[in-house]
Amino acid sequence: MFPPVRLYTLSTCSHCRATKTFLDECAVKYEFTDVDLLTGEERSAIIEEVRKINEKCSFPTIIIGDKVIIGHKEQEIREALGL
């Protein structure tokens, strides 16, 4: 069983799509938020949430258990998932 996985992504980002595809191929369940599709206060709140764990607010921002991975880094993702 994998630790909880949470993604903060952009709907137009190729690295974000690649990360989702990789997780799907590994049969990992995850929750994600496409930040660019949010509006108003909801968007502001999520961006503030991302900045707390990733000052640059870059995407994808991936949280696996208590580990934060910035960017599509398959090897780091594999290690965090125990693959």
Protein backbone atom coordinates (compact mmCIF):
# COMPACT_ATOMS: atom_id res chain seq x y z
CA MET A 1 0.00 0.00 0.00
CA PHE A 2 1.33 3.41 -0.96
CA PRO A 3 1.49 6.48 1.27
CA PRO A 4 -1.02 9.23 0.44
CA VAL A 5 -0.13 11.15 -2.72
CA ARG A 6 -1.21 14.75 -3.40
CA LEU A 7 -0.32 16.74 -6.52
CA TYR A 8 -0.55 20.43 -7.23
CA THR A 9 -0.47 20.80 -11.00
CA LEU A 10 -1.28 23.02 -13.96
CA SER A 11 -3.66 21.67 -16.60
CA THR A 12 -1.37 22.88 -19.40
CA CYS A 13 1.93 21.63 -17.96
CA SER A 14 3.62 18.73 -19.80
CA HIS A 15 5.64 17.79 -16.68
CA CYS A 16 2.44 17.67 -14.64
CA ARG A 17 0.75 15.43 -17.22
CA ALA A 18 3.83 13.17 -17.30
CA THR A 19 3.71 12.83 -13.50
CA LYS A 20 0.00 11.86 -13.57
CA THR A 21 0.66 9.35 -16.36
CA PHE A 22 3.59 7.85 -14.44
CA LEU A 23 1.49 7.45 -11.29
CA ASP A 24 -1.36 5.93 -13.32
CA GLU A 25 1.05 3.43 -14.91
CA CYS A 26 2.27 2.47 -11.42
CA ALA A 27 -1.36 2.04 -10.26
CA VAL A 28 -0.91 4.70 -7.58
CA LYS A 29 -4.03 6.48 -6.37
CA TYR A 30 -3.58 10.23 -5.94
CA GLU A 31 -5.46 13.44 -5.46
CA PHE A 32 -4.62 16.47 -7.56
CA THR A 33 -5.58 20.08 -8.01
CA ASP A 34 -5.08 21.85 -11.32
CA VAL A 35 -4.30 25.23 -9.78
CA ASP A 36 -4.73 27.17 -13.02
CA LEU A 37 -8.37 26.06 -13.27
CA LEU A 38 -9.26 27.55 -9.88
CA THR A 39 -10.49 31.11 -9.47
CA GLY A 40 -10.76 33.80 -6.83
CA GLU A 41 -10.26 33.01 -3.16
CA GLU A 42 -10.01 29.26 -3.77
CA ARG A 43 -7.07 29.81 -6.14
CA SER A 44 -5.38 32.24 -3.74
CA ALA A 45 -5.75 29.80 -0.85
CA ILE A 46 -4.27 26.88 -2.80
CA ILE A 47 -1.34 28.99 -4.07
CA GLU A 48 -0.62 30.00 -0.47
CA GLU A 49 -0.74 26.31 0.52
CA VAL A 50 1.75 25.42 -2.23
CA ARG A 51 4.10 28.30 -1.26
CA LYS A 52 4.34 26.89 2.29
CA ILE A 53 5.98 23.73 0.93
CA ASN A 54 7.51 25.11 -2.29
CA GLU A 55 8.58 28.77 -2.08
CA LYS A 56 8.95 29.05 -5.86
CA CYS A 57 5.39 27.77 -6.33
CA SER A 58 6.50 25.67 -9.31
CA PHE A 59 4.68 22.68 -10.74
CA PRO A 60 4.20 19.88 -10.29
CA THR A 61 4.51 20.00 -6.52
CA ILE A 62 4.13 16.44 -5.27
CA ILE A 63 3.55 15.31 -1.69
CA ILE A 64 4.07 11.63 -0.97
CA GLY A 65 3.51 10.87 2.69
CA ASP A 66 5.67 13.53 4.37
CA LYS A 67 8.09 13.95 1.44
CA VAL A 68 7.83 16.88 -0.98
CA ILE A 69 9.11 16.49 -4.54
CA ILE A 70 9.27 19.48 -6.87
CA GLY A 71 9.08 18.61 -10.56
CA HIS A 72 8.67 15.39 -12.52
CA LYS A 73 11.47 13.32 -10.97
CA GLU A 74 10.56 9.68 -11.55
CA GLN A 75 13.42 8.25 -9.49
CA GLU A 76 12.55 10.37 -6.44
CA ILE A 77 8.88 9.50 -6.86
CA ARG A 78 9.72 5.77 -7.08
CA GLU A 79 11.83 5.99 -3.91
CA ALA A 80 9.14 7.89 -1.99
CA LEU A 81 6.57 5.28 -3.03
CA GLY A 82 8.87 2.38 -2.22
CA LEU A 83 8.86 1.06 -5.81
